[in-house]
Amino acid sequence: MLNFSEYEFGLMEIIYLIILFIISFLITYFIIPFVIKFTRSKGWVGIDIHKIDKPEVAESGGISIVIGLCISLIIMLVMFPKIINEILVILLTIVCAAIIGLIDDRKKLSSIKKIILTIIIGGPIFILNFSNFINIGSPTIPILGMLRLNFIYPFVLPVIIAVTTNTVNMLEGYNGEGSGTCLIAVIFMFLSGLIWNSAQAVIYSVPFIAILLAFFLYNKYPAKIFPGDVGTLTIGAMIGCIAIFGSIEVPTFCTLLCHVFNSFYVLSSLRRLLESSQIQQKQNDIIFLENGKIKASREDDAAMTLPRLILAKGELTEPELVNNFFALSLICGQFAIIATLSMQWTLYYDNIAFLIISGIIFILICGGFSLIIYWKFPKIRGISIIMVILLASGIVFVWFIDWFIVQTPYNWLWSGLLTAIGLGLWYYVGCLRYFWKQIDKMKKKEDKENI
């Protein structure tokens, strides 16, 4: 990671970013109608099942995101020559993600194949880092500082890309849900990059925000285009690249927590990776009502998903459900800001004034903003509490790994076992029990209403 002073970031770079934002937005926005026409001509359409009239919508619209990103990255080669190697690696990663996504759109890959292929997407980063074409350091953890994982971390890089691509891919199924939550996530990644003094996080986030914004305008309710796997895998891969090259891995994890939670729920109930459309074909997590509203399935064998958990507290229209996801994403974004400030505190722990001022600013702005969100969207309160428990427990756990386990023989083995045990306990106590508690409440409420 280069900070702004190391990069010699000045007025010209700011102007470049403004120009890049405008170009990225316009290219993506105006190319989408042509993509819609192209996909329809190929018969690539999907049924919008959450509407009464079940309209056909153009699929694989993420091709526009791929085109927008590729053109933006090529322009960046000229504007930001100091990070040309990184840009080339990101470009290669995006192309790999797009190819795999397009194949998945057409042939629907099995869960095992998709996992393997999404790990391969991170292959260029892993290989070129070992060859010193690029240089990626260990991540920085809030309170702890930079971890001593110089040997282990490079092997984790493909896993990070696989996680971001699959989690983004699995939280998609409602108009504007995937593109909107990812847009919010990348905006907070941009803010985290500013706070963390990461030139790369800011440079890569700006055009990506413009591209996602342009796509969201077509993807929001009522959607004119769906991203398809080519879109979701590309978005996830780009988010992973920003996290890795911008050294904001922890803030990125925080801002994607709603995606991570949904993935945990799906994996635990179905034992494999499935997209929203596949879940609805097999073990539908929701029920679409004749009045146009959506309710949670009360069947025990229905898939566990985040939409089902939110809907367990009451039926909603599709836009209302998506707005709850946006609200939860805003909360997750604030977690990312907290994480980034905590990372900064590891550098300025002896500066009491900095701690006090930043703490007061956060309490006044983010604290008040969170209260408004919780007031308007009460269905996300319990989920947010579980997320806080996860983050707090994670910091303690990583501290234990870094100071005790890393220094022992076979540290990678012990770290993996402890991680699996810790996640299992947290998931069972904090997530699984809470999930079924809400479902049981919904069943009892419905039974009383039917009496």
Foldseek 3Di string as FASTA:
>chain_A
DDFCVRLVPDDLLVVVLVVLLVQLLVQLLVCLVVQQVVQVVVVQWDFLVLFQVRDIAREQSLVSVLVSLLVSLVVVCVVRVVCNLLSVLLNQLLVLQLVVQVCCSVPPDFQVVLLVSLLVSQVSVLVCCVVVSDPFAAAQFFPPGGFPCRPPVSVCLSVLLSVLLQLLQAQDRFQLQSLLLLLLLLVLQLVLLVLLSFPLSVSLSSSSNSNSVSQSVQRHVVHNYGNGSSNSSSSSNSLSSSCGNRSLVPLSCLLSVLSVLQQVQQCVLVVGRDHQVVLCVPQHQWDRDNVSKIAGDLDPSHGGGPLNQLRLVDIGHRVVSSVLSSLVSNLSSLVSVVGSVSNVCSVVVVPVVSVVVVVVVCCVPVVVVNVVSCVVRVSCVLVSVLSVVVSVVVSVLVVCLRPPLVPDPPSVVVNVVVVVVVVVVSCVVRPVVSSVVSSVVSVVVVVVVVD
